[in-house]
């Protein structure tokens, strides 16, 4: 038995997963403290509602592009390395062209977002103005997060997982220092300032690491050769899909704003608790499997990828289910430990706890459908992910509207779990059809 465990651990994928999970947990641990400090320093109020709503919009626009490119560059660079192509020029093209496009897009969004929010939300004039000012202040994050994601994906391809994993800790430390230093003078604007400065610091560190470690020289260029055009075309479907998936948290916050003051904050705090186990399971595992699976796929073919997916699902399914049950059982003391101090109203603890339970019910399904998503990225079948994402948005709106009538803010969290369940079965069924097609040939 000991020999089996020893042999299992010595596998490169397992070693990288364990090490990256440890480093990623350490890197994100400081970031997980941020909501707890915000809760203690600012509590639940219209100001926190405005900040969480505005920051949620920024994360939405960032999530359309940043995670897509971080994952998408891995199979492309893996393929380029096998063909001995100029990786520095490829990465430089993506950095240059995409940055210009994102700056233009951010400007357009800022021009139209305020009248749109005045229609779809129920913030009063003061709250809406606060939301817009925070959006203006944090809008550069869209570009900064995209740039750090490209560099993180590049390092993951080279199996240098540690640096992308730990640098979020640097950003989080800067955020906490800024908030602590300026909270009295700037209020919630101190949080926005901290995230902005923190991401700049993270970008600088990753640039220095790429320059030192990678076996290529980064060449910034605005050219659009055929390979770059193929990259953008293939991943445009994924961008559309991420736009749809990223809409769900925005939709949740919009509909939570209909439920009265404090509802957006309650949903946000519960979501932050939910993201702790999600990050623990995913932050270390996903970059590693994407890198290793990409290399194996281009060397050994589809059957090896199918074997990797099935084996990973069995292990991750068991582990995630165990974590889910444990967290639901101990949710009350954990919520008190996280938020039961400072300016946080005690009566809100129960609301956050129940909302967290509703999120946790979909935890295993979320992790497993995300594993299938990595397989589709390697296969470059991004149209499947796009269709799935569109279905998820429509389902989320429907279940939000129905469940919030009966369960208020808990219904919105429960809708997220139902949507994760659908995503898992949809991608599982579609992947099974691909396996059958491959076996026929």
Protein backbone atom coordinates (compact mmCIF):
# COMPACT_ATOMS: atom_id res chain seq x y z
CA UNK A 1 0.00 0.00 0.00
CA UNK A 2 2.83 2.39 0.91
CA UNK A 3 4.57 1.55 -2.38
CA UNK A 4 1.39 2.34 -4.33
CA UNK A 5 1.05 5.72 -2.63
CA UNK A 6 4.74 6.41 -3.22
CA UNK A 7 4.48 5.47 -6.91
CA UNK A 8 1.35 7.61 -7.30
CA UNK A 9 3.02 10.67 -5.81
CA UNK A 10 6.15 10.34 -7.94
CA UNK A 11 4.12 10.95 -11.12
CA UNK A 12 4.99 14.38 -12.54
CA UNK A 13 1.36 15.48 -12.87
CA UNK A 14 0.58 14.54 -9.26
CA UNK A 15 3.74 16.18 -7.94
CA UNK A 16 3.04 19.38 -9.87
CA UNK A 17 -0.60 19.39 -8.72
CA UNK A 18 0.30 18.98 -5.05
CA UNK A 19 3.06 21.58 -5.17
CA UNK A 20 0.98 24.07 -7.15
CA UNK A 21 -2.02 23.58 -4.87
CA UNK A 22 0.15 24.31 -1.83
CA UNK A 23 1.69 27.39 -3.41
CA UNK A 24 -1.63 28.57 -4.83
CA UNK A 25 -3.35 28.12 -1.48
CA UNK A 26 -0.60 30.15 0.15
CA UNK A 27 -0.82 32.76 -2.62
CA UNK A 28 -4.59 33.11 -2.40
CA UNK A 29 -4.85 32.79 1.37
CA UNK A 30 -4.08 36.46 1.86
CA UNK A 31 -6.61 37.35 -0.81
CA UNK A 32 -9.29 35.38 1.01
CA UNK A 33 -8.70 37.60 4.03
CA UNK A 34 -9.76 40.72 2.12
CA UNK A 35 -13.55 40.19 2.36
CA UNK A 36 -13.21 39.46 6.07
CA UNK A 37 -11.35 42.71 6.68
CA UNK A 38 -13.83 44.60 4.49
CA UNK A 39 -16.66 43.09 6.51
CA UNK A 40 -15.02 44.10 9.79
CA UNK A 41 -14.08 47.61 8.63
CA UNK A 42 -17.14 48.50 6.51
CA UNK A 43 -19.89 46.00 7.45
CA UNK A 44 -23.01 45.81 5.26
CA UNK A 45 -24.17 49.12 3.81
CA UNK A 46 -25.12 50.92 0.61
CA UNK A 47 -21.42 51.81 0.16
CA UNK A 48 -20.37 48.15 0.23
CA UNK A 49 -23.29 47.29 -2.07
CA UNK A 50 -21.97 49.89 -4.55
CA UNK A 51 -18.36 48.68 -4.34
CA UNK A 52 -19.18 44.97 -4.67
CA UNK A 53 -21.48 45.70 -7.59
CA UNK A 54 -18.90 47.85 -9.39
CA UNK A 55 -16.04 45.45 -8.70
CA UNK A 56 -18.26 42.61 -9.89
CA UNK A 57 -18.66 44.41 -13.23
CA UNK A 58 -14.90 44.83 -13.52
CA UNK A 59 -14.36 41.15 -12.77
CA UNK A 60 -17.01 40.30 -15.37
CA UNK A 61 -15.28 42.25 -18.13
CA UNK A 62 -11.91 40.85 -17.03
CA UNK A 63 -13.24 37.29 -16.87
CA UNK A 64 -14.40 37.51 -20.47
CA UNK A 65 -10.79 37.69 -21.62
CA UNK A 66 -8.28 36.98 -18.85
CA UNK A 67 -9.08 33.33 -17.95
CA UNK A 68 -9.71 32.55 -21.63
CA UNK A 69 -6.26 33.66 -22.73
CA UNK A 70 -4.52 32.16 -19.67
CA UNK A 71 -5.92 28.75 -20.57
CA UNK A 72 -5.94 29.14 -24.36
CA UNK A 73 -2.26 30.01 -24.77
CA UNK A 74 -1.20 26.75 -23.10
CA UNK A 75 -2.12 24.29 -25.90
CA UNK A 76 -0.98 26.80 -28.56
CA UNK A 77 2.44 27.28 -26.96
CA UNK A 78 2.72 23.52 -26.34
CA UNK A 79 2.06 22.93 -30.04
CA UNK A 80 4.46 25.72 -31.04
CA UNK A 81 7.25 24.21 -28.95
CA UNK A 82 6.90 20.87 -30.72
CA UNK A 83 7.16 22.69 -34.07
CA UNK A 84 10.08 24.89 -32.91
CA UNK A 85 8.19 28.13 -33.70
CA UNK A 86 8.98 31.65 -32.40
CA UNK A 87 7.10 31.68 -29.09
CA UNK A 88 8.33 35.15 -28.10
CA UNK A 89 6.76 36.69 -31.18
CA UNK A 90 3.54 34.72 -30.72
CA UNK A 91 3.11 35.87 -27.10
CA UNK A 92 4.16 39.42 -27.99
CA UNK A 93 1.56 39.61 -30.77
CA UNK A 94 -1.20 38.58 -28.39
CA UNK A 95 -0.08 41.06 -25.73
CA UNK A 96 0.11 44.00 -28.13
CA UNK A 97 -3.00 43.50 -30.25
CA UNK A 98 -5.24 42.50 -27.37
CA UNK A 99 -4.16 45.38 -25.12
CA UNK A 100 -5.10 48.01 -27.70
CA UNK A 101 -8.42 46.33 -28.31
CA UNK A 102 -9.21 46.14 -24.59
CA UNK A 103 -8.39 49.81 -24.00
CA UNK A 104 -10.82 50.82 -26.75
CA UNK A 105 -13.47 48.43 -25.45
CA UNK A 106 -13.13 49.72 -21.87
CA UNK A 107 -13.62 53.28 -23.07
CA UNK A 108 -16.79 52.38 -24.96
CA UNK A 109 -18.20 50.50 -21.97
CA UNK A 110 -17.61 53.42 -19.62
CA UNK A 111 -19.50 55.69 -22.00
CA UNK A 112 -22.66 53.57 -22.02
CA UNK A 113 -22.67 51.76 -18.67
CA UNK A 114 -24.25 54.45 -16.47
CA UNK A 115 -27.55 54.82 -18.39
CA UNK A 116 -27.76 51.04 -18.68
CA UNK A 117 -27.35 50.59 -14.91
CA UNK A 118 -29.98 53.24 -14.22
CA UNK A 119 -32.48 51.02 -16.05
CA UNK A 120 -31.57 47.51 -14.88
CA UNK A 121 -30.71 48.21 -11.21
CA UNK A 122 -32.63 49.84 -8.38
CA UNK A 123 -29.81 51.87 -6.87
CA UNK A 124 -30.78 55.43 -5.96
CA UNK A 125 -28.98 58.38 -7.63
CA UNK A 126 -26.31 58.55 -4.92
CA UNK A 127 -25.61 54.83 -5.07
CA UNK A 128 -25.49 54.84 -8.86
CA UNK A 129 -22.99 57.70 -8.90
CA UNK A 130 -20.82 55.84 -6.39
CA UNK A 131 -20.90 52.73 -8.56
CA UNK A 132 -19.84 54.73 -11.62
CA UNK A 133 -16.98 56.51 -9.84
CA UNK A 134 -15.60 53.16 -8.63
CA UNK A 135 -15.91 51.78 -12.18
CA UNK A 136 -13.89 54.68 -13.54
CA UNK A 137 -11.23 54.17 -10.90
CA UNK A 138 -10.88 50.40 -11.40
CA UNK A 139 -11.36 50.17 -15.20
CA UNK A 140 -7.57 49.77 -15.87
CA UNK A 141 -7.84 46.41 -14.08
CA UNK A 142 -9.46 44.95 -17.21
CA UNK A 143 -6.23 45.43 -19.16
CA UNK A 144 -3.90 44.65 -16.25
CA UNK A 145 -5.63 41.34 -15.43
CA UNK A 146 -5.48 40.36 -19.08
CA UNK A 147 -1.75 41.01 -19.29
CA UNK A 148 -0.96 39.09 -16.10
CA UNK A 149 -3.11 36.19 -17.37
CA UNK A 150 -1.11 35.91 -20.60
CA UNK A 151 2.14 35.82 -18.64
CA UNK A 152 0.70 33.33 -16.14
CA UNK A 153 -0.48 31.02 -18.95
CA UNK A 154 2.93 31.22 -20.60
CA UNK A 155 4.69 30.23 -17.38
CA UNK A 156 2.20 27.40 -16.82
CA UNK A 157 3.05 26.02 -20.27
CA UNK A 158 6.68 25.84 -19.18
CA UNK A 159 5.50 24.14 -15.97
CA UNK A 160 6.67 27.08 -13.87
CA UNK A 161 3.46 26.95 -11.85
CA UNK A 162 4.75 28.50 -8.65
CA UNK A 163 5.03 32.11 -9.80
CA UNK A 164 1.48 32.48 -11.19
CA UNK A 165 0.27 30.71 -8.05
CA UNK A 166 1.95 32.89 -5.42
CA UNK A 167 1.80 36.36 -6.99
CA UNK A 168 -1.88 36.92 -6.01
CA UNK A 169 -0.55 37.12 -2.44
CA UNK A 170 1.45 40.21 -3.42
CA UNK A 171 -1.66 41.86 -4.81
CA UNK A 172 -3.67 40.99 -1.69
CA UNK A 173 -1.02 42.40 0.66
CA UNK A 174 -1.05 45.67 -1.27
CA UNK A 175 -4.86 45.80 -1.07
CA UNK A 176 -4.88 45.29 2.71
CA UNK A 177 -2.17 47.90 3.24
CA UNK A 178 -4.05 50.45 1.13
CA UNK A 179 -7.37 49.79 2.82
CA UNK A 180 -5.88 49.96 6.30
CA UNK A 181 -3.96 53.14 5.48
CA UNK A 182 -6.66 55.07 3.61
CA UNK A 183 -9.99 53.66 4.81
CA UNK A 184 -10.74 56.68 6.99
CA UNK A 185 -9.93 59.23 4.26
CA UNK A 186 -11.12 57.38 1.14
CA UNK A 187 -13.74 54.96 2.41
CA UNK A 188 -14.51 52.16 -0.07
CA UNK A 189 -12.36 53.92 -2.68
CA UNK A 190 -9.36 52.66 -0.71
CA UNK A 191 -10.31 49.11 -1.71
CA UNK A 192 -10.39 50.06 -5.39
CA UNK A 193 -7.02 51.82 -5.12
CA UNK A 194 -5.47 48.77 -3.47
CA UNK A 195 -6.59 46.38 -6.22
CA UNK A 196 -5.24 48.71 -8.90
CA UNK A 197 -1.78 49.13 -7.34
CA UNK A 198 -1.63 45.45 -6.40
CA UNK A 199 -2.23 44.23 -9.95
CA UNK A 200 0.45 46.57 -11.31
CA UNK A 201 2.92 45.07 -8.83
CA UNK A 202 1.91 41.55 -9.87
CA UNK A 203 2.38 42.38 -13.56
CA UNK A 204 5.89 43.70 -12.97
CA UNK A 205 6.91 40.57 -11.06
CA UNK A 206 5.57 38.20 -13.74
CA UNK A 207 7.33 40.16 -16.50
CA UNK A 208 10.61 39.85 -14.66
CA UNK A 209 10.07 36.10 -14.13
CA UNK A 210 9.24 35.47 -17.81
CA UNK A 211 12.31 37.42 -18.87
CA UNK A 212 14.52 35.38 -16.54
CA UNK A 213 13.08 31.88 -16.97
CA UNK A 214 11.53 31.48 -20.44
CA UNK A 215 13.68 30.22 -23.33
CA UNK A 216 12.45 32.96 -25.67
CA UNK A 217 12.72 36.72 -26.00
CA UNK A 218 9.41 38.58 -25.80
CA UNK A 219 8.80 40.54 -29.02
CA UNK A 220 5.94 43.03 -28.93
CA UNK A 221 4.32 43.40 -32.34
CA UNK A 222 1.04 44.51 -33.93
CA UNK A 223 1.34 42.03 -36.81
CA UNK A 224 -1.44 39.50 -37.44
CA UNK A 225 0.09 36.40 -39.05
CA UNK A 226 -2.09 33.37 -39.80
CA UNK A 227 -1.34 31.65 -36.51
CA UNK A 228 -2.40 34.70 -34.48
CA UNK A 229 -5.57 35.03 -36.57
CA UNK A 230 -6.33 31.37 -35.92
CA UNK A 231 -5.78 31.91 -32.19
CA UNK A 232 -8.20 34.83 -32.02
CA UNK A 233 -10.78 33.08 -34.22
CA UNK A 234 -10.74 29.85 -32.22
CA UNK A 235 -10.92 31.63 -28.92
CA UNK A 236 -13.56 34.13 -29.99
CA UNK A 237 -16.10 31.40 -29.29
CA UNK A 238 -14.65 30.97 -25.83
CA UNK A 239 -14.75 34.74 -25.29
CA UNK A 240 -18.44 34.72 -26.17
CA UNK A 241 -18.92 31.80 -23.81
CA UNK A 242 -17.06 33.53 -20.99
CA UNK A 243 -19.12 36.65 -21.64
CA UNK A 244 -22.22 34.58 -21.08
CA UNK A 245 -20.89 32.75 -18.01
CA UNK A 246 -19.48 35.98 -16.59
CA UNK A 247 -22.91 37.55 -16.90
CA UNK A 248 -24.29 35.22 -14.26
CA UNK A 249 -22.66 36.96 -11.25
CA UNK A 250 -23.73 40.32 -12.68
CA UNK A 251 -27.26 39.05 -13.18
CA UNK A 252 -27.22 37.72 -9.62
CA UNK A 253 -26.17 41.10 -8.22
CA UNK A 254 -28.67 42.98 -10.35
CA UNK A 255 -31.52 40.77 -9.19
CA UNK A 256 -30.24 40.89 -5.59
CA UNK A 257 -30.46 44.69 -5.76
CA UNK A 258 -34.23 44.22 -6.19
CA UNK A 259 -34.42 42.61 -2.75
CA UNK A 260 -33.43 45.66 -0.72
CA UNK A 261 -30.37 47.17 0.98
CA UNK A 262 -27.70 44.72 2.06
CA UNK A 263 -28.77 41.88 -0.26
CA UNK A 264 -25.92 42.43 -2.72
CA UNK A 265 -23.40 42.39 0.14
CA UNK A 266 -24.87 39.22 1.69
CA UNK A 267 -24.63 37.46 -1.66
CA UNK A 268 -21.06 38.69 -2.14
CA UNK A 269 -19.87 37.54 1.29
CA UNK A 270 -21.42 34.09 0.77
CA UNK A 271 -19.82 33.88 -2.67
CA UNK A 272 -16.40 34.75 -1.20
CA UNK A 273 -16.74 31.90 1.28
CA UNK A 274 -17.73 29.60 -1.56
CA UNK A 275 -14.70 30.60 -3.61
CA UNK A 276 -12.32 29.42 -0.88
CA UNK A 277 -12.93 25.68 -1.48
CA UNK A 278 -13.29 26.32 -5.22
CA UNK A 279 -9.86 27.93 -5.33
CA UNK A 280 -8.38 25.20 -3.14
CA UNK A 281 -9.60 22.53 -5.56
CA UNK A 282 -9.04 24.37 -8.83
CA UNK A 283 -6.21 26.89 -8.57
CA UNK A 284 -3.50 24.27 -8.27
CA UNK A 285 -5.12 21.49 -10.31
CA UNK A 286 -6.38 23.25 -13.44
CA UNK A 287 -3.15 24.91 -14.68
CA UNK A 288 -1.28 21.65 -14.14
CA UNK A 289 -3.72 19.35 -15.94
CA UNK A 290 -4.04 21.80 -18.83
CA UNK A 291 -0.27 21.91 -19.28
CA UNK A 292 0.31 18.17 -18.87
CA UNK A 293 -2.75 17.10 -20.86
CA UNK A 294 -1.84 19.45 -23.74
CA UNK A 295 1.63 17.94 -24.03
CA UNK A 296 0.28 14.38 -23.86
CA UNK A 297 -2.48 15.08 -26.38
CA UNK A 298 -0.09 16.40 -29.05
CA UNK A 299 2.29 13.51 -28.42
CA UNK A 300 -0.06 10.54 -27.77
CA UNK A 301 -3.44 11.49 -29.21
CA UNK A 302 -7.08 11.61 -28.08
CA UNK A 303 -7.28 8.27 -26.28
CA UNK A 304 -4.68 9.43 -23.76
CA UNK A 305 -6.68 12.62 -23.15
CA UNK A 306 -9.87 10.61 -22.60
CA UNK A 307 -8.07 8.38 -20.09
CA UNK A 308 -6.68 11.43 -18.24
CA UNK A 309 -10.12 13.07 -18.04
CA UNK A 310 -11.87 9.97 -16.66
CA UNK A 311 -9.20 9.25 -14.07
CA UNK A 312 -9.15 12.86 -12.86
CA UNK A 313 -12.96 13.02 -12.60
CA UNK A 314 -13.09 10.00 -10.31
CA UNK A 315 -10.53 11.42 -7.89
CA UNK A 316 -11.77 15.02 -7.96
CA UNK A 317 -15.41 13.97 -7.68
CA UNK A 318 -14.76 12.07 -4.45
CA UNK A 319 -12.58 14.78 -2.91
CA UNK A 320 -14.95 17.65 -3.80
CA UNK A 321 -17.99 15.77 -2.45
CA UNK A 322 -16.19 15.17 0.85
CA UNK A 323 -15.27 18.85 1.13
CA UNK A 324 -18.82 19.94 0.30
CA UNK A 325 -20.44 17.76 2.98
CA UNK A 326 -17.88 18.82 5.61
CA UNK A 327 -18.35 22.54 4.94
CA UNK A 328 -22.14 22.30 5.04
CA UNK A 329 -21.97 20.47 8.37
CA UNK A 330 -19.66 23.07 9.94
CA UNK A 331 -21.02 26.15 8.16
CA UNK A 332 -22.29 27.99 11.26
CA UNK A 333 -19.01 28.17 13.23
CA UNK A 334 -17.09 28.93 10.02
CA UNK A 335 -19.35 31.88 9.18
CA UNK A 336 -19.00 33.24 12.72
CA UNK A 337 -15.23 32.85 12.51
CA UNK A 338 -15.13 34.69 9.18
CA UNK A 339 -17.53 37.57 9.80
CA UNK A 340 -18.60 37.62 13.43
CA UNK A 341 -16.77 40.76 14.48
CA UNK A 342 -16.37 44.49 13.91
CA UNK A 343 -19.04 46.41 12.00
CA UNK A 344 -20.73 43.26 10.66
CA UNK A 345 -24.31 43.01 11.96
CA UNK A 346 -24.87 39.75 13.82
CA UNK A 347 -28.31 39.17 12.29
CA UNK A 348 -26.69 39.04 8.85
CA UNK A 349 -24.56 36.02 9.81
CA UNK A 350 -27.50 33.65 9.43
CA UNK A 351 -28.31 35.03 5.98
CA UNK A 352 -24.71 34.64 4.79
CA UNK A 353 -24.60 31.09 6.18
CA UNK A 354 -27.73 29.91 4.36
CA UNK A 355 -26.64 31.56 1.12
CA UNK A 356 -23.28 29.79 1.44
CA UNK A 357 -25.01 26.41 1.86
CA UNK A 358 -26.98 27.05 -1.32
CA UNK A 359 -23.76 27.78 -3.20
CA UNK A 360 -22.03 24.69 -1.77
CA UNK A 361 -24.70 22.34 -3.11
CA UNK A 362 -23.26 22.87 -6.58
CA UNK A 363 -19.60 22.68 -5.59
CA UNK A 364 -18.80 19.19 -6.92
CA UNK A 365 -20.67 19.79 -10.17
CA UNK A 366 -18.80 23.06 -10.72
CA UNK A 367 -15.37 21.49 -10.28
CA UNK A 368 -16.18 18.54 -12.55
CA UNK A 369 -17.66 20.56 -15.40
CA UNK A 370 -14.62 22.83 -15.25
CA UNK A 371 -12.43 19.73 -15.76
CA UNK A 372 -14.40 18.87 -18.90
CA UNK A 373 -13.95 22.48 -20.04
CA UNK A 374 -10.15 22.05 -19.99
CA UNK A 375 -10.46 19.02 -22.26
CA UNK A 376 -12.51 21.04 -24.75
CA UNK A 377 -9.88 23.79 -24.71
CA UNK A 378 -7.17 21.28 -25.58
CA UNK A 379 -9.32 19.92 -28.42
CA UNK A 380 -10.01 23.56 -29.48
CA UNK A 381 -13.74 22.78 -29.51
CA UNK A 382 -14.65 26.14 -28.05
CA UNK A 383 -18.02 26.27 -29.81
CA UNK A 384 -19.27 23.62 -27.38
CA UNK A 385 -18.26 25.80 -24.43
CA UNK A 386 -19.93 28.80 -26.04
CA UNK A 387 -23.25 26.99 -26.48
CA UNK A 388 -23.10 25.65 -22.94
CA UNK A 389 -22.43 29.12 -21.54
CA UNK A 390 -25.41 30.64 -23.35
CA UNK A 391 -27.68 27.93 -21.96
CA UNK A 392 -26.33 28.63 -18.47
CA UNK A 393 -27.23 32.32 -18.63
CA UNK A 394 -30.78 31.61 -19.71
CA UNK A 395 -31.22 28.97 -17.01
CA UNK A 396 -29.73 31.23 -14.35
CA UNK A 397 -32.13 34.07 -15.16
CA UNK A 398 -35.08 31.67 -15.08
CA UNK A 399 -34.17 29.98 -11.79
CA UNK A 400 -33.19 33.28 -10.16
CA UNK A 401 -36.57 34.77 -10.99
CA UNK A 402 -38.49 31.73 -9.76
CA UNK A 403 -36.49 30.90 -6.63
CA UNK A 404 -35.97 34.44 -5.32
CA UNK A 405 -39.74 34.78 -5.01
CA UNK A 406 -39.75 32.04 -2.40
CA UNK A 407 -36.24 32.09 -0.91
CA UNK A 408 -35.08 35.72 -1.47
CA UNK A 409 -31.29 35.97 -1.75
CA UNK A 410 -30.88 32.25 -0.97
CA UNK A 411 -32.79 31.44 -4.17
CA UNK A 412 -30.18 33.30 -6.23
CA UNK A 413 -27.37 31.25 -4.69
CA UNK A 414 -29.35 28.03 -5.17
CA UNK A 415 -29.86 28.90 -8.83
CA UNK A 416 -26.06 28.97 -9.26
CA UNK A 417 -25.84 25.38 -8.00
CA UNK A 418 -28.58 24.19 -10.33
CA UNK A 419 -26.81 25.81 -13.28
CA UNK A 420 -23.51 24.09 -12.34
CA UNK A 421 -25.33 20.75 -12.30
CA UNK A 422 -26.68 21.36 -15.80
CA UNK A 423 -23.23 22.38 -17.10
CA UNK A 424 -21.67 19.17 -15.83
CA UNK A 425 -24.22 16.86 -17.47
CA UNK A 426 -24.24 18.84 -20.72
CA UNK A 427 -20.44 18.74 -21.16
CA UNK A 428 -20.27 15.12 -19.99
CA UNK A 429 -22.86 14.04 -22.55
CA UNK A 430 -21.19 16.01 -25.36
CA UNK A 431 -17.75 14.62 -24.51
CA UNK A 432 -19.15 11.07 -24.58
CA UNK A 433 -20.36 11.70 -28.14
CA UNK A 434 -16.86 12.86 -29.13
CA UNK A 435 -15.40 9.66 -27.64
CA UNK A 436 -17.83 7.55 -29.68
CA UNK A 437 -16.94 9.45 -32.86
CA UNK A 438 -13.21 8.97 -32.25
CA UNK A 439 -13.68 5.24 -31.56
CA UNK A 440 -15.57 4.79 -34.85
CA UNK A 441 -12.47 5.91 -36.72
